[in-house]
Amino acid sequence: MLSEIKDLRNSKISQVVSSKLKEFETNNQWFSELCFCILTANSKAQTAINIQNEIGETGFISLSQEKLVEIIKKNKHRFHNNKAKYIVEARKYYNIKGILNNLNEFEAREFLVENIKGIGYKESSHFLRNVGYKHLAILDRHILSLMKEEKPLNRKNYLDIEKKFNQIAKKLDMNSAELDLYMWYLKTGKILK
């Protein structure tokens, strides 16, 4: 795996990865991104992207729960009722950027896990990566498969596996956000977000 990632880093994919990381750093739609991550839990990223594009930042803030259910369901997302409910409940954290502003990324993730219904460590890490944080692992099934990890992902196991992930990133002289994109590309042949 390490040699494959090194090869990718020396290919045209590195430009796509660099561009995506810059896009994350300049992402100003934090609440929309939080809702995207609520939608990606137990679902495909592309489905959540389609829903996010249709609803948009203002829709996540202003649409009724019923309208959110309708749009989520129309996009063939499972758990449309729960996802809409979680998005409406998350509105009290609309100013999530301001709330997380004085926290380091590990504290920010703990805040999200404890306060945003519908997301855990993986999706909290995903959200934080998508708004420019760089040192958290997004341990989805693709990454776990590449790492040959089969433990259930409770908090302790997540943090243990994340340490291994970060060691791989350090060995490759890159941050976790960059490594995640390369590993995801290795498994899927795509770079989404």
N, C-alpha and C. Protein backbone atom coordinates (compact mmCIF):
# COMPACT_ATOMS: atom_id res chain seq x y z
N MET A 1 0.82 -1.20 0.00
CA MET A 1 0.00 0.00 0.00
C MET A 1 0.86 1.26 0.00
N LEU A 2 1.94 1.28 0.79
CA LEU A 2 2.78 2.48 0.87
C LEU A 2 3.38 2.82 -0.49
N SER A 3 3.84 1.81 -1.20
CA SER A 3 4.44 2.08 -2.52
C SER A 3 3.38 2.57 -3.50
N GLU A 4 2.16 2.05 -3.40
CA GLU A 4 1.08 2.51 -4.28
C GLU A 4 0.75 3.98 -4.01
N ILE A 5 0.75 4.36 -2.74
CA ILE A 5 0.46 5.76 -2.40
C ILE A 5 1.60 6.66 -2.88
N LYS A 6 2.83 6.19 -2.73
CA LYS A 6 3.97 6.98 -3.24
C LYS A 6 3.86 7.16 -4.75
N ASP A 7 3.46 6.12 -5.45
CA ASP A 7 3.27 6.22 -6.90
C ASP A 7 2.18 7.23 -7.25
N LEU A 8 1.08 7.17 -6.51
CA LEU A 8 0.00 8.13 -6.75
C LEU A 8 0.46 9.56 -6.50
N ARG A 9 1.28 9.72 -5.49
CA ARG A 9 1.77 11.05 -5.15
C ARG A 9 2.64 11.63 -6.26
N ASN A 10 3.21 10.75 -7.06
CA ASN A 10 4.04 11.18 -8.18
C ASN A 10 3.29 11.12 -9.51
N SER A 11 1.98 11.06 -9.44
CA SER A 11 1.15 11.00 -10.65
C SER A 11 0.26 12.24 -10.73
N LYS A 12 -0.55 12.29 -11.79
CA LYS A 12 -1.47 13.43 -11.95
C LYS A 12 -2.52 13.49 -10.85
N ILE A 13 -2.73 12.39 -10.14
CA ILE A 13 -3.70 12.37 -9.03
C ILE A 13 -3.27 13.34 -7.93
N SER A 14 -1.97 13.57 -7.79
CA SER A 14 -1.49 14.48 -6.74
C SER A 14 -2.04 15.88 -6.93
N GLN A 15 -2.24 16.31 -8.18
CA GLN A 15 -2.81 17.63 -8.44
C GLN A 15 -4.27 17.69 -7.99
N VAL A 16 -5.00 16.59 -8.20
CA VAL A 16 -6.40 16.52 -7.78
C VAL A 16 -6.47 16.57 -6.25
N VAL A 17 -5.59 15.82 -5.59
CA VAL A 17 -5.55 15.81 -4.13
C VAL A 17 -5.21 17.20 -3.60
N SER A 18 -4.19 17.84 -4.16
CA SER A 18 -3.81 19.19 -3.71
C SER A 18 -4.95 20.18 -3.89
N SER A 19 -5.61 20.10 -5.03
CA SER A 19 -6.74 20.99 -5.30
C SER A 19 -7.88 20.76 -4.30
N LYS A 20 -8.16 19.51 -4.01
CA LYS A 20 -9.25 19.18 -3.07
C LYS A 20 -8.90 19.69 -1.67
N LEU A 21 -7.65 19.53 -1.24
CA LEU A 21 -7.24 20.02 0.08
C LEU A 21 -7.36 21.54 0.17
N LYS A 22 -7.01 22.25 -0.90
CA LYS A 22 -7.17 23.71 -0.92
C LYS A 22 -8.64 24.09 -0.85
N GLU A 23 -9.47 23.32 -1.56
CA GLU A 23 -10.92 23.56 -1.52
C GLU A 23 -11.46 23.42 -0.09
N PHE A 24 -10.98 22.40 0.63
CA PHE A 24 -11.41 22.21 2.02
C PHE A 24 -11.01 23.40 2.88
N GLU A 25 -9.79 23.89 2.70
CA GLU A 25 -9.29 25.00 3.51
C GLU A 25 -10.11 26.28 3.33
N THR A 26 -10.71 26.44 2.17
CA THR A 26 -11.46 27.66 1.88
C THR A 26 -12.98 27.46 1.97
N ASN A 27 -13.39 26.31 2.45
CA ASN A 27 -14.82 26.01 2.56
C ASN A 27 -15.45 26.90 3.63
N ASN A 28 -16.38 27.74 3.21
CA ASN A 28 -17.06 28.65 4.14
C ASN A 28 -18.47 28.21 4.48
N GLN A 29 -18.90 27.09 3.93
CA GLN A 29 -20.26 26.61 4.18
C GLN A 29 -20.23 25.49 5.21
N TRP A 30 -19.83 25.84 6.41
CA TRP A 30 -19.63 24.84 7.45
C TRP A 30 -20.91 24.11 7.82
N PHE A 31 -22.01 24.82 7.93
CA PHE A 31 -23.24 24.14 8.33
C PHE A 31 -23.72 23.18 7.23
N SER A 32 -23.60 23.59 6.00
CA SER A 32 -23.95 22.70 4.88
C SER A 32 -23.07 21.46 4.91
N GLU A 33 -21.80 21.65 5.22
CA GLU A 33 -20.87 20.51 5.28
C GLU A 33 -21.21 19.59 6.45
N LEU A 34 -21.63 20.18 7.55
CA LEU A 34 -22.06 19.37 8.70
C LEU A 34 -23.27 18.52 8.30
N CYS A 35 -24.22 19.13 7.61
CA CYS A 35 -25.41 18.38 7.17
C CYS A 35 -25.03 17.30 6.16
N PHE A 36 -24.09 17.59 5.29
CA PHE A 36 -23.58 16.58 4.35
C PHE A 36 -23.06 15.37 5.13
N CYS A 37 -22.31 15.63 6.20
CA CYS A 37 -21.74 14.52 6.98
C CYS A 37 -22.81 13.76 7.76
N ILE A 38 -23.85 14.45 8.19
CA ILE A 38 -24.98 13.75 8.79
C ILE A 38 -25.58 12.80 7.75
N LEU A 39 -25.67 13.27 6.52
CA LEU A 39 -26.25 12.46 5.44
C LEU A 39 -25.36 11.30 5.01
N THR A 40 -24.04 11.44 5.15
CA THR A 40 -23.15 10.35 4.68
C THR A 40 -23.09 9.18 5.65
N ALA A 41 -23.45 9.38 6.90
CA ALA A 41 -23.42 8.27 7.85
C ALA A 41 -24.36 7.16 7.36
N ASN A 42 -23.82 5.97 7.19
CA ASN A 42 -24.58 4.80 6.70
C ASN A 42 -25.15 5.00 5.30
N SER A 43 -24.46 5.76 4.49
CA SER A 43 -24.92 6.00 3.12
C SER A 43 -23.72 6.22 2.21
N LYS A 44 -23.99 6.30 0.93
CA LYS A 44 -22.94 6.59 -0.05
C LYS A 44 -22.68 8.08 -0.10
N ALA A 45 -21.39 8.43 -0.24
CA ALA A 45 -21.01 9.84 -0.31
C ALA A 45 -21.70 10.54 -1.48
N GLN A 46 -21.79 9.87 -2.63
CA GLN A 46 -22.38 10.52 -3.80
C GLN A 46 -23.86 10.86 -3.57
N THR A 47 -24.57 9.99 -2.88
CA THR A 47 -25.97 10.28 -2.56
C THR A 47 -26.06 11.54 -1.70
N ALA A 48 -25.18 11.64 -0.69
CA ALA A 48 -25.18 12.81 0.18
C ALA A 48 -24.79 14.07 -0.58
N ILE A 49 -23.85 13.95 -1.52
CA ILE A 49 -23.45 15.10 -2.35
C ILE A 49 -24.64 15.59 -3.17
N ASN A 50 -25.36 14.65 -3.77
CA ASN A 50 -26.54 15.02 -4.58
C ASN A 50 -27.57 15.77 -3.74
N ILE A 51 -27.82 15.26 -2.54
CA ILE A 51 -28.79 15.91 -1.64
C ILE A 51 -28.28 17.29 -1.22
N GLN A 52 -27.01 17.38 -0.86
CA GLN A 52 -26.42 18.66 -0.46
C GLN A 52 -26.54 19.68 -1.59
N ASN A 53 -26.26 19.26 -2.81
CA ASN A 53 -26.35 20.18 -3.95
C ASN A 53 -27.78 20.65 -4.17
N GLU A 54 -28.73 19.77 -3.96
CA GLU A 54 -30.14 20.14 -4.17
C GLU A 54 -30.65 21.06 -3.06
N ILE A 55 -30.30 20.78 -1.83
CA ILE A 55 -30.82 21.56 -0.70
C ILE A 55 -30.07 22.87 -0.53
N GLY A 56 -28.76 22.82 -0.57
CA GLY A 56 -27.95 24.03 -0.41
C GLY A 56 -27.92 24.54 1.02
N GLU A 57 -26.99 25.43 1.28
CA GLU A 57 -26.79 25.99 2.63
C GLU A 57 -28.09 26.58 3.19
N THR A 58 -28.78 27.39 2.42
CA THR A 58 -29.98 28.04 2.95
C THR A 58 -31.10 27.02 3.18
N GLY A 59 -31.17 26.01 2.34
CA GLY A 59 -32.20 24.98 2.52
C GLY A 59 -32.00 24.19 3.80
N PHE A 60 -30.75 23.88 4.12
CA PHE A 60 -30.48 23.16 5.37
C PHE A 60 -30.93 23.96 6.57
N ILE A 61 -30.91 25.27 6.44
CA ILE A 61 -31.29 26.15 7.55
C ILE A 61 -32.80 26.40 7.58
N SER A 62 -33.41 26.51 6.41
CA SER A 62 -34.77 27.04 6.37
C SER A 62 -35.87 26.05 5.99
N LEU A 63 -35.56 24.98 5.30
CA LEU A 63 -36.63 24.07 4.87
C LEU A 63 -37.26 23.35 6.06
N SER A 64 -38.53 23.07 5.92
CA SER A 64 -39.22 22.33 6.98
C SER A 64 -38.67 20.90 7.03
N GLN A 65 -38.88 20.25 8.15
CA GLN A 65 -38.45 18.86 8.29
C GLN A 65 -39.14 17.99 7.24
N GLU A 66 -40.40 18.27 6.97
CA GLU A 66 -41.15 17.50 5.98
C GLU A 66 -40.55 17.65 4.59
N LYS A 67 -40.16 18.87 4.23
CA LYS A 67 -39.55 19.11 2.92
C LYS A 67 -38.18 18.43 2.83
N LEU A 68 -37.42 18.47 3.92
CA LEU A 68 -36.14 17.77 3.94
C LEU A 68 -36.35 16.27 3.73
N VAL A 69 -37.33 15.70 4.41
CA VAL A 69 -37.65 14.27 4.25
C VAL A 69 -37.95 13.99 2.78
N GLU A 70 -38.76 14.83 2.18
CA GLU A 70 -39.16 14.63 0.78
C GLU A 70 -37.94 14.61 -0.16
N ILE A 71 -37.04 15.58 0.01
CA ILE A 71 -35.85 15.66 -0.85
C ILE A 71 -34.91 14.49 -0.60
N ILE A 72 -34.69 14.16 0.65
CA ILE A 72 -33.80 13.06 0.99
C ILE A 72 -34.36 11.75 0.45
N LYS A 73 -35.65 11.55 0.61
CA LYS A 73 -36.30 10.33 0.12
C LYS A 73 -36.25 10.25 -1.40
N LYS A 74 -36.49 11.37 -2.07
CA LYS A 74 -36.46 11.43 -3.53
C LYS A 74 -35.09 11.00 -4.08
N ASN A 75 -34.04 11.26 -3.31
CA ASN A 75 -32.69 10.90 -3.72
C ASN A 75 -32.31 9.47 -3.31
N LYS A 76 -33.33 8.71 -2.92
CA LYS A 76 -33.18 7.29 -2.58
C LYS A 76 -32.20 7.04 -1.43
N HIS A 77 -32.26 7.93 -0.45
CA HIS A 77 -31.43 7.78 0.76
C HIS A 77 -32.23 7.01 1.81
N ARG A 78 -31.59 6.05 2.40
CA ARG A 78 -32.24 5.34 3.51
C ARG A 78 -32.30 6.29 4.71
N PHE A 79 -33.13 6.00 5.63
CA PHE A 79 -33.23 6.75 6.90
C PHE A 79 -33.60 8.22 6.69
N HIS A 80 -34.43 8.50 5.68
CA HIS A 80 -34.77 9.89 5.36
C HIS A 80 -35.43 10.62 6.53
N ASN A 81 -36.27 9.94 7.29
CA ASN A 81 -36.93 10.59 8.44
C ASN A 81 -35.91 10.99 9.51
N ASN A 82 -35.03 10.06 9.87
CA ASN A 82 -34.02 10.35 10.89
C ASN A 82 -33.06 11.43 10.43
N LYS A 83 -32.60 11.35 9.18
CA LYS A 83 -31.63 12.34 8.68
C LYS A 83 -32.24 13.74 8.72
N ALA A 84 -33.48 13.88 8.27
CA ALA A 84 -34.13 15.20 8.30
C ALA A 84 -34.25 15.70 9.74
N LYS A 85 -34.62 14.81 10.64
CA LYS A 85 -34.75 15.19 12.05
C LYS A 85 -33.40 15.65 12.62
N TYR A 86 -32.33 14.92 12.31
CA TYR A 86 -30.99 15.29 12.81
C TYR A 86 -30.55 16.65 12.26
N ILE A 87 -30.86 16.91 10.99
CA ILE A 87 -30.49 18.20 10.40
C ILE A 87 -31.23 19.33 11.09
N VAL A 88 -32.51 19.16 11.32
CA VAL A 88 -33.30 20.19 12.01
C VAL A 88 -32.75 20.40 13.43
N GLU A 89 -32.44 19.32 14.13
CA GLU A 89 -31.89 19.44 15.49
C GLU A 89 -30.52 20.13 15.49
N ALA A 90 -29.75 19.92 14.42
CA ALA A 90 -28.40 20.51 14.34
C ALA A 90 -28.44 22.02 14.10
N ARG A 91 -29.58 22.54 13.72
CA ARG A 91 -29.68 23.98 13.43
C ARG A 91 -29.29 24.86 14.60
N LYS A 92 -29.42 24.35 15.80
CA LYS A 92 -29.00 25.16 16.95
C LYS A 92 -27.49 25.39 16.94
N TYR A 93 -26.78 24.63 16.10
CA TYR A 93 -25.33 24.80 15.94
C TYR A 93 -25.00 25.38 14.58
N TYR A 94 -25.92 26.18 14.04
CA TYR A 94 -25.71 26.78 12.73
C TYR A 94 -24.36 27.51 12.66
N ASN A 95 -24.00 28.18 13.72
CA ASN A 95 -22.72 28.90 13.77
C ASN A 95 -21.60 27.96 14.23
N ILE A 96 -21.53 26.79 13.62
CA ILE A 96 -20.58 25.77 14.07
C ILE A 96 -19.13 26.25 13.95
N LYS A 97 -18.84 27.05 12.96
CA LYS A 97 -17.47 27.58 12.81
C LYS A 97 -17.09 28.40 14.04
N GLY A 98 -17.98 29.28 14.45
CA GLY A 98 -17.71 30.11 15.63
C GLY A 98 -17.62 29.29 16.90
N ILE A 99 -18.43 28.25 16.99
CA ILE A 99 -18.44 27.39 18.18
C ILE A 99 -17.13 26.63 18.31
N LEU A 100 -16.61 26.15 17.18
CA LEU A 100 -15.39 25.32 17.20
C LEU A 100 -14.11 26.16 17.14
N ASN A 101 -14.25 27.43 16.91
CA ASN A 101 -13.12 28.32 16.65
C ASN A 101 -11.98 28.22 17.66
N ASN A 102 -12.28 28.08 18.94
CA ASN A 102 -11.23 28.07 19.96
C ASN A 102 -10.83 26.68 20.41
N LEU A 103 -11.26 25.65 19.67
CA LEU A 103 -10.93 24.27 20.03
C LEU A 103 -9.94 23.69 19.05
N ASN A 104 -9.02 22.85 19.55
CA ASN A 104 -8.16 22.14 18.60
C ASN A 104 -9.00 21.07 17.91
N GLU A 105 -8.45 20.42 16.90
CA GLU A 105 -9.30 19.50 16.12
C GLU A 105 -9.79 18.30 16.91
N PHE A 106 -9.03 17.85 17.87
CA PHE A 106 -9.46 16.70 18.68
C PHE A 106 -10.59 17.11 19.64
N GLU A 107 -10.46 18.30 20.22
CA GLU A 107 -11.54 18.83 21.06
C GLU A 107 -12.79 19.12 20.23
N ALA A 108 -12.58 19.63 19.02
CA ALA A 108 -13.71 19.92 18.13
C ALA A 108 -14.46 18.64 17.80
N ARG A 109 -13.72 17.57 17.53
CA ARG A 109 -14.38 16.31 17.21
C ARG A 109 -15.18 15.80 18.40
N GLU A 110 -14.62 15.90 19.60
CA GLU A 110 -15.35 15.47 20.79
C GLU A 110 -16.63 16.28 20.96
N PHE A 111 -16.55 17.59 20.72
CA PHE A 111 -17.75 18.42 20.81
C PHE A 111 -18.81 17.93 19.83
N LEU A 112 -18.42 17.66 18.61
CA LEU A 112 -19.36 17.21 17.58
C LEU A 112 -20.00 15.88 17.96
N VAL A 113 -19.17 14.94 18.39
CA VAL A 113 -19.68 13.61 18.77
C VAL A 113 -20.69 13.72 19.91
N GLU A 114 -20.40 14.59 20.87
CA GLU A 114 -21.27 14.73 22.04
C GLU A 114 -22.53 15.54 21.76
N ASN A 115 -22.51 16.43 20.74
CA ASN A 115 -23.61 17.38 20.57
C ASN A 115 -24.41 17.27 19.28
N ILE A 116 -23.88 16.63 18.27
CA ILE A 116 -24.59 16.54 16.99
C ILE A 116 -25.12 15.12 16.82
N LYS A 117 -26.42 15.00 16.90
CA LYS A 117 -27.04 13.69 16.78
C LYS A 117 -26.88 13.17 15.35
N GLY A 118 -26.54 11.88 15.25
CA GLY A 118 -26.44 11.26 13.94
C GLY A 118 -25.03 11.13 13.40
N ILE A 119 -24.04 11.65 14.13
CA ILE A 119 -22.65 11.46 13.68
C ILE A 119 -21.78 11.01 14.85
N GLY A 120 -20.80 10.21 14.50
CA GLY A 120 -19.84 9.72 15.48
C GLY A 120 -18.45 10.19 15.09
N TYR A 121 -17.44 9.40 15.45
CA TYR A 121 -16.05 9.79 15.20
C TYR A 121 -15.74 9.88 13.71
N LYS A 122 -16.21 8.92 12.93
CA LYS A 122 -15.89 8.92 11.50
C LYS A 122 -16.45 10.17 10.83
N GLU A 123 -17.73 10.44 11.02
CA GLU A 123 -18.34 11.57 10.33
C GLU A 123 -17.91 12.91 10.92
N SER A 124 -17.61 12.95 12.20
CA SER A 124 -17.07 14.18 12.78
C SER A 124 -15.70 14.49 12.19
N SER A 125 -14.89 13.45 12.03
CA SER A 125 -13.58 13.62 11.40
C SER A 125 -13.74 14.04 9.95
N HIS A 126 -14.71 13.46 9.28
CA HIS A 126 -14.99 13.78 7.88
C HIS A 126 -15.37 15.27 7.76
N PHE A 127 -16.27 15.71 8.60
CA PHE A 127 -16.67 17.12 8.59
C PHE A 127 -15.46 18.03 8.81
N LEU A 128 -14.68 17.73 9.82
CA LEU A 128 -13.55 18.59 10.14
C LEU A 128 -12.51 18.61 9.02
N ARG A 129 -12.29 17.48 8.38
CA ARG A 129 -11.38 17.44 7.22
C ARG A 129 -11.94 18.32 6.10
N ASN A 130 -13.25 18.26 5.88
CA ASN A 130 -13.87 19.00 4.78
C ASN A 130 -13.93 20.50 5.00
N VAL A 131 -13.60 20.95 6.21
CA VAL A 131 -13.52 22.39 6.47
C VAL A 131 -12.10 22.82 6.81
N GLY A 132 -11.13 21.95 6.49
CA GLY A 132 -9.74 22.37 6.55
C GLY A 132 -8.85 21.79 7.64
N TYR A 133 -9.39 21.01 8.54
CA TYR A 133 -8.55 20.36 9.55
C TYR A 133 -7.79 19.21 8.89
N LYS A 134 -6.63 18.86 9.42
CA LYS A 134 -5.77 17.94 8.68
C LYS A 134 -5.25 16.72 9.43
N HIS A 135 -5.58 16.54 10.69
CA HIS A 135 -4.90 15.48 11.46
C HIS A 135 -5.81 14.43 12.06
N LEU A 136 -6.99 14.26 11.46
CA LEU A 136 -7.93 13.25 11.95
C LEU A 136 -8.15 12.21 10.87
N ALA A 137 -8.30 10.97 11.28
CA ALA A 137 -8.54 9.89 10.32
C ALA A 137 -10.04 9.68 10.13
N ILE A 138 -10.43 9.48 8.89
CA ILE A 138 -11.81 9.16 8.56
C ILE A 138 -11.84 7.66 8.30
N LEU A 139 -12.13 6.91 9.32
CA LEU A 139 -12.01 5.45 9.25
C LEU A 139 -13.29 4.82 8.71
N ASP A 140 -13.47 4.93 7.40
CA ASP A 140 -14.61 4.27 6.76
C ASP A 140 -14.19 2.87 6.33
N ARG A 141 -15.10 2.13 5.74
CA ARG A 141 -14.82 0.73 5.39
C ARG A 141 -13.68 0.62 4.38
N HIS A 142 -13.53 1.60 3.49
CA HIS A 142 -12.45 1.56 2.50
C HIS A 142 -11.08 1.66 3.18
N ILE A 143 -10.97 2.62 4.08
CA ILE A 143 -9.70 2.83 4.79
C ILE A 143 -9.39 1.64 5.69
N LEU A 144 -10.39 1.17 6.43
CA LEU A 144 -10.19 0.02 7.32
C LEU A 144 -9.77 -1.21 6.53
N SER A 145 -10.34 -1.39 5.36
CA SER A 145 -9.98 -2.52 4.52
C SER A 145 -8.51 -2.43 4.09
N LEU A 146 -8.08 -1.27 3.66
CA LEU A 146 -6.68 -1.09 3.26
C LEU A 146 -5.74 -1.30 4.44
N MET A 147 -6.18 -0.92 5.61
CA MET A 147 -5.34 -1.08 6.81
C MET A 147 -5.46 -2.48 7.41
N LYS A 148 -6.35 -3.28 6.83
CA LYS A 148 -6.60 -4.64 7.32
C LYS A 148 -7.03 -4.66 8.79
N GLU A 149 -7.90 -3.70 9.11
CA GLU A 149 -8.45 -3.58 10.46
C GLU A 149 -9.87 -4.14 10.47
N GLU A 150 -10.15 -4.99 11.44
CA GLU A 150 -11.48 -5.61 11.52
C GLU A 150 -12.15 -5.43 12.86
N LYS A 151 -11.55 -4.63 13.73
CA LYS A 151 -12.15 -4.41 15.06
C LYS A 151 -13.42 -3.58 14.93
N PRO A 152 -14.40 -3.81 15.81
CA PRO A 152 -15.57 -2.93 15.83
C PRO A 152 -15.13 -1.52 16.24
N LEU A 153 -15.77 -0.51 15.69
CA LEU A 153 -15.29 0.86 15.90
C LEU A 153 -15.94 1.56 17.08
N ASN A 154 -15.63 1.10 18.27
CA ASN A 154 -16.00 1.88 19.45
C ASN A 154 -14.96 2.99 19.60
N ARG A 155 -15.15 3.87 20.56
CA ARG A 155 -14.26 5.02 20.73
C ARG A 155 -12.79 4.60 20.88
N LYS A 156 -12.51 3.65 21.75
CA LYS A 156 -11.13 3.24 22.00
C LYS A 156 -10.49 2.67 20.75
N ASN A 157 -11.19 1.78 20.05
CA ASN A 157 -10.63 1.19 18.83
C ASN A 157 -10.42 2.24 17.75
N TYR A 158 -11.37 3.16 17.65
CA TYR A 158 -11.23 4.22 16.64
C TYR A 158 -9.94 5.00 16.89
N LEU A 159 -9.73 5.41 18.13
CA LEU A 159 -8.55 6.22 18.46
C LEU A 159 -7.26 5.41 18.29
N ASP A 160 -7.30 4.12 18.61
CA ASP A 160 -6.12 3.25 18.42
C ASP A 160 -5.78 3.12 16.94
N ILE A 161 -6.79 2.88 16.11
CA ILE A 161 -6.56 2.73 14.68
C ILE A 161 -6.13 4.07 14.08
N GLU A 162 -6.69 5.16 14.58
CA GLU A 162 -6.31 6.48 14.10
C GLU A 162 -4.82 6.74 14.36
N LYS A 163 -4.31 6.28 15.49
CA LYS A 163 -2.87 6.44 15.77
C LYS A 163 -2.04 5.72 14.71
N LYS A 164 -2.45 4.51 14.34
CA LYS A 164 -1.75 3.77 13.29
C LYS A 164 -1.83 4.51 11.96
N PHE A 165 -3.01 5.02 11.66
CA PHE A 165 -3.22 5.78 10.42
C PHE A 165 -2.28 6.99 10.39
N ASN A 166 -2.22 7.73 11.49
CA ASN A 166 -1.36 8.91 11.55
C ASN A 166 0.12 8.56 11.46
N GLN A 167 0.49 7.38 11.95
CA GLN A 167 1.88 6.92 11.81
C GLN A 167 2.21 6.65 10.34
N ILE A 168 1.25 6.08 9.62
CA ILE A 168 1.45 5.85 8.18
C ILE A 168 1.62 7.20 7.47
N ALA A 169 0.77 8.16 7.82
CA ALA A 169 0.86 9.49 7.21
C ALA A 169 2.23 10.11 7.48
N LYS A 170 2.68 9.99 8.70
CA LYS A 170 4.00 10.55 9.06
C LYS A 170 5.11 9.86 8.28
N LYS A 171 5.02 8.54 8.14
CA LYS A 171 6.01 7.77 7.39
C LYS A 171 6.07 8.24 5.93
N LEU A 172 4.92 8.62 5.40
CA LEU A 172 4.85 9.08 4.01
C LEU A 172 5.06 10.60 3.88
N ASP A 173 5.33 11.26 5.00
CA ASP A 173 5.56 12.70 5.03
C ASP A 173 4.36 13.48 4.48
N MET A 174 3.17 13.13 4.99
CA MET A 174 1.95 13.84 4.61
C MET A 174 1.04 13.91 5.82
N ASN A 175 0.03 14.75 5.74
CA ASN A 175 -0.92 14.82 6.85
C ASN A 175 -2.04 13.80 6.62
N SER A 176 -2.86 13.62 7.61
CA SER A 176 -3.92 12.61 7.57
C SER A 176 -4.95 12.90 6.48
N ALA A 177 -5.27 14.17 6.28
CA ALA A 177 -6.25 14.53 5.26
C ALA A 177 -5.76 14.11 3.87
N GLU A 178 -4.50 14.34 3.61
CA GLU A 178 -3.91 13.97 2.32
C GLU A 178 -3.88 12.45 2.16
N LEU A 179 -3.44 11.75 3.19
CA LEU A 179 -3.39 10.28 3.13
C LEU A 179 -4.77 9.70 2.89
N ASP A 180 -5.78 10.26 3.55
CA ASP A 180 -7.14 9.76 3.37
C ASP A 180 -7.57 9.83 1.91
N LEU A 181 -7.29 10.95 1.25
CA LEU A 181 -7.70 11.10 -0.15
C LEU A 181 -6.99 10.09 -1.05
N TYR A 182 -5.71 9.87 -0.81
CA TYR A 182 -4.98 8.88 -1.60
C TYR A 182 -5.50 7.46 -1.35
N MET A 183 -5.76 7.14 -0.09
CA MET A 183 -6.26 5.80 0.23
C MET A 183 -7.66 5.59 -0.35
N TRP A 184 -8.48 6.60 -0.27
CA TRP A 184 -9.83 6.50 -0.82
C TRP A 184 -9.76 6.28 -2.33
N TYR A 185 -8.83 6.99 -2.97
CA TYR A 185 -8.65 6.83 -4.41
C TYR A 185 -8.19 5.41 -4.73
N LEU A 186 -7.28 4.88 -3.92
CA LEU A 186 -6.82 3.50 -4.13
C LEU A 186 -7.97 2.51 -4.11
N LYS A 187 -8.91 2.70 -3.21
CA LYS A 187 -10.04 1.76 -3.06
C LYS A 187 -11.16 2.02 -4.06
N THR A 188 -11.41 3.28 -4.40
CA THR A 188 -12.61 3.60 -5.20
C THR A 188 -12.31 4.12 -6.61
N GLY A 189 -11.09 4.58 -6.83
CA GLY A 189 -10.76 5.18 -8.12
C GLY A 189 -11.34 6.58 -8.27
N LYS A 190 -11.80 7.17 -7.15
CA LYS A 190 -12.43 8.50 -7.17
C LYS A 190 -11.88 9.35 -6.03
N ILE A 191 -12.00 10.65 -6.22
CA ILE A 191 -11.78 11.59 -5.12
C ILE A 191 -13.03 12.46 -5.08
N LEU A 192 -13.83 12.29 -4.05
CA LEU A 192 -15.05 13.07 -3.92
C LEU A 192 -14.83 14.15 -2.89
N LYS A 193 -15.20 13.84 -1.65
CA LYS A 193 -14.92 14.74 -0.53
C LYS A 193 -15.21 14.03 0.76
